[in-house]
Structure formats: C-alpha cells, structure tokens
Amino acid sequence: MTDKALSIDHVLKDRGKTRVLDDITLSLASGQRVALLGHNGAGKSTLIKSILGLTPINGGTIRIGEATPGSAQARRETAYLPEAVSFHPALTGREQLTLFAKLSGAKADVPGLLERVGLSDALDRRIGAYSKGMRQRLGLAQVLLGQPKVALLDEPTSGLDPISRQDLYAIIDELAAQGTAVLIASHALTEVEARTDLIAIMRKGQMVADDTLNNLSALAGLPIRLKVRASVNADALAAELGGSRINGASVELLCSPADKMEALRRIAGMGDAVADVEMTPPNLEDLYRHYAQEELK
C-alpha cells in the first residue's frame, strides 16, 4: 500500500527558548512498520505526544490520514501503547477491555483478544494482581480494538520475557498486514532491526536518518568486518593480509562494501592457510552510533 496513514511535515516544537522538535518530517504508509530511535531527550516522546494531539506544535503539520491530531476522527483512527501502561487495579482484564470497547464504540470479542495476547488465564483476575508484563499485554489488547489507521507503540516490549516479545512482534506483523501503520519507539535495537521496514533516528530534536536499513548502511559507508581464522600460523596470515591479530589464531580486516569481493578473493588465494572466514556487516547498533553520534548507554 502506498497511501499515507501518518504524515509529519516540517514540524517545529518549542519549549520556552529550547527547540525540542526541529523541522521534523516523517511519513508512514498503510501497513508500514517504522522504528523510531534516539537517545533520551532526542524528542521521541514529544513527537508521539504531538501525533496524539496532547502537545501542540509551533509549526508544520501532522495528519492521521486526513485528520488533525486530537480531532474525533484522529482519536478513532489512532491507537497508543505507552511504556508505563496503567489501568484501574480493581477491574479485571475482561472488565477493563470491555470498558475500552464501549468507549471506542468498537464491537470486540474481548475473550478472544485477551487470548490473542496471552491473557486468557487471567481475564477475570484483578489487574492489581497483574505483573508489569501482563499489564503490557493488556495494553496491547487495547491497541487491537477496532482497526486503527496508526498504532504508536512506546517501548512495547518493556517487561516482557523473550517468548512474549516474539509474540508481540507477531501481533505487530498482523496489525501491519491488515493495513495499520505502526510506529515503534524503542531502545531494543536488535529486535527492531529485523522486524521493521524503515528506521528513523532522532538526535537533539532533529531527524538525522530515515530510510531502510540497507540504504542507511550504504549511505553511512561503515566498514565490513572480516574475521579470518588461520589453519596454523596466524602471523603469516597477518603479514599477507594485513589487519589486526586477535586471540592469537585469527586476523580481523576492515573493508568498505565496494572492496568486499576483492578482500574475499585475496583470502581465498591463501588456500589451506585459511581455516574459516566470518563476515559481519554493520548492524543497527553501528548505524545508530553513526547517525545519532552518541554512544549507547
């Protein structure tokens, strides 16, 4: 699908004398999964609040389809899962989700939704007895009510165990398949690297990268790492190939993507002197450090 579910055009937001969103432009097509990355204070939360209509902007435009943030139509078409999700502790999961369904006007199979997020055994248990991960699952069930045009997920895997994280991304894939544009703000780079279509990186209120992982990697020009393990003599291998000796038995080489094949041909030319080769392209963590110009904490 190519129609825009969410359009953010040259958005400005000032807080006092500080510009917290500086000419932000980003768009999500229906069915796209976009990771929104950035260090604490980069402006991710402010951007999400602006999309929700909770924080007014000082310039530019935001549209959910054709609707203005905060309008009745935008609220109907936008789902939101905060990082610190909170519900009434005296209600059961069934009661809370039924209430949300009534408020939204959505006809929902509440038991089915709770089963889908792994809460079928706790649907009649009071939320006050839920763990943080269970409350996160209940929040995800709320996102699934109706068919939102846009889903905003802020650290959605917070408090979830590894299996539950896989289940959550499977549900995100289902949302995208039904046409929902999903914006995922996350610090879990390894997770979003494989489960999103586009990567958007913010730094100090600015959008410093917005593209596919492959295109961002090509633009960054970061080196590929080749780890060559010697059959017998790593010193001879290092003398021939250059690079750095590591752990006494291997040599590590860095090369540009354009020089990769030439480097592999040189290694192949060493014949039986080479026992193994490992090639590691830049990953999302490398790209994040490059574009955000920040060390990961």
Protein backbone atom coordinates (compact mmCIF):
# COMPACT_ATOMS: atom_id res chain seq x y z
CA MET A 1 0.00 0.00 0.00
CA THR A 2 1.25 3.49 -0.76
CA ASP A 3 -1.31 5.80 0.85
CA LYS A 4 -0.04 7.79 3.80
CA ALA A 5 -1.53 6.83 7.13
CA LEU A 6 0.62 9.33 9.05
CA SER A 7 2.21 12.48 7.63
CA ILE A 8 4.56 14.69 9.64
CA ASP A 9 5.74 17.72 7.65
CA HIS A 10 8.37 20.20 8.87
CA VAL A 11 7.13 20.10 12.45
CA LEU A 12 8.52 22.57 14.98
CA LYS A 13 8.02 22.50 18.74
CA ASP A 14 9.49 24.99 21.18
CA ARG A 15 9.57 24.63 24.94
CA GLY A 16 10.48 28.05 26.21
CA LYS A 17 13.65 29.06 24.39
CA THR A 18 14.54 25.47 23.58
CA ARG A 19 13.53 23.91 20.24
CA VAL A 20 12.67 20.30 21.05
CA LEU A 21 11.41 19.35 17.56
CA ASP A 22 13.33 20.96 14.74
CA ASP A 23 11.87 20.62 11.23
CA ILE A 24 10.75 17.00 11.67
CA THR A 25 9.46 15.28 8.54
CA LEU A 26 8.38 11.64 8.52
CA SER A 27 5.62 9.65 6.82
CA LEU A 28 4.22 6.17 7.31
CA ALA A 29 2.30 4.35 4.62
CA SER A 30 -0.52 2.00 5.50
CA GLY A 31 0.95 -1.32 6.62
CA GLN A 32 4.45 0.05 7.26
CA ARG A 33 6.42 -0.73 10.42
CA VAL A 34 8.80 2.07 11.35
CA ALA A 35 11.30 2.06 14.22
CA LEU A 36 11.80 5.44 15.91
CA LEU A 37 15.18 5.53 17.63
CA GLY A 38 17.02 8.14 19.64
CA HIS A 39 18.72 8.71 22.96
CA ASN A 40 16.78 10.01 25.97
CA GLY A 41 15.88 13.63 25.27
CA ALA A 42 16.09 13.26 21.48
CA GLY A 43 12.42 14.26 21.11
CA LYS A 44 10.73 10.88 20.53
CA SER A 45 8.18 11.26 23.32
CA THR A 46 7.39 14.84 22.33
CA LEU A 47 6.82 13.74 18.75
CA ILE A 48 4.48 10.94 19.84
CA LYS A 49 2.52 13.32 22.10
CA SER A 50 2.23 15.73 19.18
CA ILE A 51 0.84 12.98 16.95
CA LEU A 52 -1.70 12.17 19.65
CA GLY A 53 -2.73 15.83 19.88
CA LEU A 54 -1.61 16.06 23.52
CA THR A 55 1.17 18.55 22.78
CA PRO A 56 0.52 21.48 20.41
CA ILE A 57 3.18 22.18 17.78
CA ASN A 58 4.57 25.59 16.83
CA GLY A 59 4.93 24.96 13.11
CA GLY A 60 4.41 22.42 10.36
CA THR A 61 1.58 19.91 10.08
CA ILE A 62 0.67 16.44 11.32
CA ARG A 63 -2.11 14.37 9.74
CA ILE A 64 -3.51 10.96 10.59
CA GLY A 65 -4.92 10.20 7.17
CA GLU A 66 -6.77 13.46 6.56
CA ALA A 67 -7.49 14.12 10.25
CA THR A 68 -5.85 16.63 12.58
CA PRO A 69 -4.28 15.25 15.79
CA GLY A 70 -6.71 15.45 18.70
CA SER A 71 -9.82 15.51 16.49
CA ALA A 72 -12.54 12.92 17.00
CA GLN A 73 -11.60 11.19 13.75
CA ALA A 74 -7.90 11.10 14.65
CA ARG A 75 -8.68 9.62 18.08
CA ARG A 76 -10.78 6.91 16.46
CA GLU A 77 -8.01 6.05 14.00
CA THR A 78 -5.05 6.15 16.39
CA ALA A 79 -4.05 3.52 18.96
CA TYR A 80 -1.39 4.16 21.59
CA LEU A 81 0.57 1.90 23.93
CA PRO A 82 2.67 3.86 26.46
CA GLU A 83 5.77 2.39 28.05
CA ALA A 84 4.33 2.75 31.57
CA VAL A 85 0.85 1.40 30.89
CA SER A 86 -1.62 1.87 33.75
CA PHE A 87 -5.14 0.53 34.39
CA HIS A 88 -7.61 0.55 37.25
CA PRO A 89 -6.29 -2.10 39.67
CA ALA A 90 -9.78 -3.08 40.91
CA LEU A 91 -11.03 -4.07 37.45
CA THR A 92 -10.42 -7.42 35.83
CA GLY A 93 -8.79 -7.68 32.44
CA ARG A 94 -12.17 -8.56 30.91
CA GLU A 95 -13.88 -5.57 32.57
CA GLN A 96 -11.18 -3.11 31.55
CA LEU A 97 -11.10 -4.17 27.92
CA THR A 98 -14.92 -4.24 27.76
CA LEU A 99 -14.95 -0.66 29.07
CA PHE A 100 -12.45 0.43 26.41
CA ALA A 101 -14.54 -1.26 23.73
CA LYS A 102 -17.67 0.59 24.86
CA LEU A 103 -15.83 3.92 24.97
CA SER A 104 -14.46 3.44 21.47
CA GLY A 105 -17.70 2.09 20.06
CA ALA A 106 -15.88 -0.96 18.76
CA LYS A 107 -17.54 -4.35 18.64
CA ALA A 108 -14.95 -6.64 20.13
CA ASP A 109 -14.51 -10.27 21.05
CA VAL A 110 -12.98 -9.43 24.43
CA PRO A 111 -12.14 -13.02 25.48
CA GLY A 112 -10.67 -13.62 22.01
CA LEU A 113 -8.49 -10.51 22.21
CA LEU A 114 -7.23 -11.43 25.67
CA GLU A 115 -6.42 -14.92 24.43
CA ARG A 116 -4.57 -13.43 21.48
CA VAL A 117 -2.24 -11.53 23.82
CA GLY A 118 -1.78 -14.47 26.20
CA LEU A 119 -4.11 -13.39 28.99
CA SER A 120 -6.86 -16.00 28.64
CA ASP A 121 -5.95 -17.49 32.04
CA ALA A 122 -6.12 -14.08 33.73
CA LEU A 123 -9.09 -12.40 32.05
CA ASP A 124 -11.14 -12.48 35.29
CA ARG A 125 -8.24 -11.69 37.60
CA ARG A 126 -7.98 -8.17 39.02
CA ILE A 127 -5.41 -6.00 37.23
CA GLY A 128 -3.87 -5.08 40.59
CA ALA A 129 -2.53 -8.64 40.69
CA TYR A 130 -1.05 -8.44 37.18
CA SER A 131 2.70 -8.30 36.62
CA LYS A 132 4.19 -5.45 34.55
CA GLY A 133 4.41 -7.75 31.54
CA MET A 134 0.75 -8.76 31.91
CA ARG A 135 -0.32 -5.11 32.06
CA GLN A 136 1.73 -4.53 28.89
CA ARG A 137 -0.15 -7.39 27.21
CA LEU A 138 -3.47 -5.86 28.27
CA GLY A 139 -2.35 -2.56 26.74
CA LEU A 140 -1.60 -4.37 23.51
CA ALA A 141 -5.10 -5.88 23.54
CA GLN A 142 -6.43 -2.32 23.79
CA VAL A 143 -4.38 -1.37 20.70
CA LEU A 144 -6.04 -4.25 18.83
CA LEU A 145 -9.56 -2.91 19.42
CA GLY A 146 -11.10 -1.91 16.12
CA GLN A 147 -8.78 -1.40 13.16
CA PRO A 148 -6.62 1.67 13.87
CA LYS A 149 -5.07 3.52 10.97
CA VAL A 150 -1.99 4.29 13.06
CA ALA A 151 -0.55 2.46 16.10
CA LEU A 152 2.01 4.24 18.27
CA LEU A 153 3.97 1.85 20.48
CA ASP A 154 6.37 3.30 23.07
CA GLU A 155 8.87 0.63 24.23
CA PRO A 156 6.23 -2.08 23.66
CA THR A 157 8.42 -4.98 24.86
CA SER A 158 9.15 -3.40 28.24
CA GLY A 159 8.60 -6.00 30.95
CA LEU A 160 8.09 -8.89 28.52
CA ASP A 161 10.05 -12.15 28.54
CA PRO A 162 11.77 -13.30 25.30
CA ILE A 163 8.87 -15.54 24.18
CA SER A 164 6.34 -12.78 24.86
CA ARG A 165 8.47 -10.37 22.83
CA GLN A 166 8.32 -12.70 19.85
CA ASP A 167 4.55 -12.99 20.28
CA LEU A 168 4.23 -9.20 20.41
CA TYR A 169 6.11 -8.72 17.16
CA ALA A 170 3.95 -11.40 15.54
CA ILE A 171 0.91 -9.31 16.52
CA ILE A 172 2.61 -6.17 15.17
CA ASP A 173 3.09 -8.03 11.89
CA GLU A 174 -0.63 -8.87 11.88
CA LEU A 175 -1.52 -5.22 12.51
CA ALA A 176 0.66 -4.16 9.58
CA ALA A 177 -0.81 -6.87 7.36
CA GLN A 178 -4.32 -5.50 7.97
CA GLY A 179 -3.13 -2.02 6.91
CA THR A 180 -2.20 -0.35 10.20
CA ALA A 181 0.89 1.87 10.11
CA VAL A 182 2.97 1.03 13.20
CA LEU A 183 5.48 3.44 14.76
CA ILE A 184 7.65 1.71 17.36
CA ALA A 185 9.77 3.85 19.69
CA SER A 186 12.37 1.52 21.14
CA HIS A 187 15.85 1.11 22.57
CA ALA A 188 15.84 -2.63 21.76
CA LEU A 189 17.85 -2.27 18.56
CA THR A 190 18.35 -5.97 17.93
CA GLU A 191 14.59 -6.54 17.98
CA VAL A 192 13.53 -3.73 15.66
CA GLU A 193 16.38 -4.34 13.22
CA ALA A 194 14.73 -7.49 11.91
CA ARG A 195 11.07 -6.59 12.42
CA THR A 196 10.62 -3.15 10.85
CA ASP A 197 10.55 -1.76 7.31
CA LEU A 198 12.13 1.66 7.94
CA ILE A 199 14.47 3.12 10.54
CA ALA A 200 14.06 6.74 11.74
CA ILE A 201 16.73 8.16 14.06
CA MET A 202 16.34 11.37 16.05
CA ARG A 203 19.11 13.41 17.65
CA LYS A 204 18.61 16.57 19.69
CA GLY A 205 15.18 17.22 18.20
CA GLN A 206 16.20 16.59 14.60
CA MET A 207 15.54 13.66 12.27
CA VAL A 208 19.04 12.61 11.24
CA ALA A 209 18.14 9.40 9.38
CA ASP A 210 15.01 7.98 7.77
CA ASP A 211 15.34 5.06 5.35
CA THR A 212 15.62 1.31 5.03
CA LEU A 213 18.39 -0.43 6.94
CA ASN A 214 20.20 -1.30 3.69
CA ASN A 215 20.07 2.27 2.39
CA LEU A 216 21.21 3.73 5.71
CA SER A 217 24.08 1.28 5.75
CA ALA A 218 25.12 2.24 2.21
CA LEU A 219 24.90 5.97 2.99
CA ALA A 220 26.92 5.58 6.19
CA GLY A 221 29.71 3.75 4.38
CA LEU A 222 30.65 1.85 7.53
CA PRO A 223 33.22 -0.92 7.09
CA ILE A 224 32.53 -4.64 6.89
CA ARG A 225 34.47 -6.79 9.35
CA LEU A 226 36.16 -9.94 8.08
CA LYS A 227 37.49 -12.36 10.70
CA VAL A 228 39.92 -14.84 9.14
CA ARG A 229 40.94 -17.86 11.22
CA ALA A 230 44.32 -19.35 10.40
CA SER A 231 44.88 -23.08 9.97
CA VAL A 232 48.33 -22.98 11.54
CA ASN A 233 50.28 -19.71 11.51
CA ALA A 234 48.26 -16.55 12.19
CA ASP A 235 51.43 -14.42 11.95
CA ALA A 236 51.94 -15.41 8.31
CA LEU A 237 48.29 -14.72 7.59
CA ALA A 238 48.51 -11.28 9.18
CA ALA A 239 51.68 -10.47 7.24
CA GLU A 240 50.00 -11.38 3.96
CA LEU A 241 46.54 -9.87 4.53
CA GLY A 242 47.29 -7.04 6.92
CA GLY A 243 44.66 -6.30 9.55
CA SER A 244 44.83 -6.93 13.27
CA ARG A 245 45.71 -10.12 15.10
CA ILE A 246 43.01 -11.23 17.54
CA ASN A 247 43.01 -14.08 20.11
CA GLY A 248 46.28 -15.50 18.73
CA ALA A 249 44.65 -17.51 15.96
CA SER A 250 42.74 -15.05 13.77
CA VAL A 251 43.13 -11.84 11.81
CA GLU A 252 40.47 -9.13 11.57
CA LEU A 253 40.20 -6.99 8.44
CA LEU A 254 38.05 -3.95 7.78
CA CYS A 255 36.95 -3.18 4.25
CA SER A 256 34.41 -0.98 2.51
CA PRO A 257 31.37 -2.63 0.90
CA ALA A 258 32.86 -1.84 -2.52
CA ASP A 259 36.10 -3.68 -1.63
CA LYS A 260 34.43 -6.73 -0.08
CA MET A 261 34.77 -9.06 -3.07
CA GLU A 262 38.41 -8.15 -3.63
CA ALA A 263 39.17 -8.87 0.03
CA LEU A 264 37.41 -12.24 -0.19
CA ARG A 265 39.40 -13.11 -3.32
CA ARG A 266 42.65 -12.33 -1.50
CA ILE A 267 41.59 -14.52 1.40
CA ALA A 268 40.59 -17.37 -0.94
CA GLY A 269 44.01 -17.07 -2.56
CA MET A 270 45.62 -18.08 0.74
CA GLY A 271 44.33 -21.62 0.20
CA ASP A 272 44.77 -24.07 3.08
CA ALA A 273 46.32 -21.38 5.29
CA VAL A 274 42.76 -20.19 5.96
CA ALA A 275 40.55 -22.38 8.16
CA ASP A 276 37.45 -20.18 8.23
CA VAL A 277 36.09 -16.70 7.37
CA GLU A 278 33.36 -14.77 9.17
CA MET A 279 31.87 -11.66 7.57
CA THR A 280 29.98 -9.15 9.73
CA PRO A 281 28.26 -6.21 8.01
CA PRO A 282 27.36 -3.09 10.02
CA ASN A 283 24.34 -3.73 12.24
CA LEU A 284 21.72 -1.32 13.55
CA GLU A 285 23.75 -0.57 16.66
CA ASP A 286 26.67 0.56 14.47
CA LEU A 287 24.35 2.69 12.34
CA TYR A 288 22.68 4.20 15.39
CA ARG A 289 26.04 5.25 16.80
CA HIS A 290 26.98 6.72 13.42
CA TYR A 291 23.84 8.76 12.81
CA ALA A 292 22.98 9.71 16.39
CA GLN A 293 26.64 10.45 17.17
CA GLU A 294 26.03 9.02 20.62
CA GLU A 295 27.47 6.07 22.47
CA LEU A 296 24.82 3.59 23.55
CA LYS A 297 24.27 3.59 27.29
